[in-house]
Amino acid sequence: MNPQAIARATGVLFLITFVTSIPALLLYDPILKDNGYSTYLSGAGADNQIFLGASLELFLIIANVGTALVLFPILKRQNEILALATWLPASSSASSSPSASSACLRS
């Protein structure tokens, strides 16, 4: 893969992370306002809004992992250990966030 294609893919993935993370936070507002206890769980709630936020979180995970994978060949040229260190946050978020997102989608 040539450097220009890597740069373009990285830029697109970074844009996807911003486009999916900021609206997801805003869509979780009904749960974040009342700590998830008083009104959302006892009332009708904004289920579709929460489902959309959880779906955006899943796309965010894919974009984060993709960014780490795309940048790895470039970073490996400088220092392989640091290149592997970029993979650690992406893999840890990929392992923890799906459980929270899938819990929202299952309920």
Foldseek 3Di string as FASTA:
>chain_A
DDPVVLVVLLVVLVVLLVVLPPLLVVLCVVCVVVVNPDDQVVHPHDLVSNLSSLVSLLSNLVSQQSNLVSCLVVVVVVPNVVSVVSNVVSVVSNVPSVVVSVVSVVD
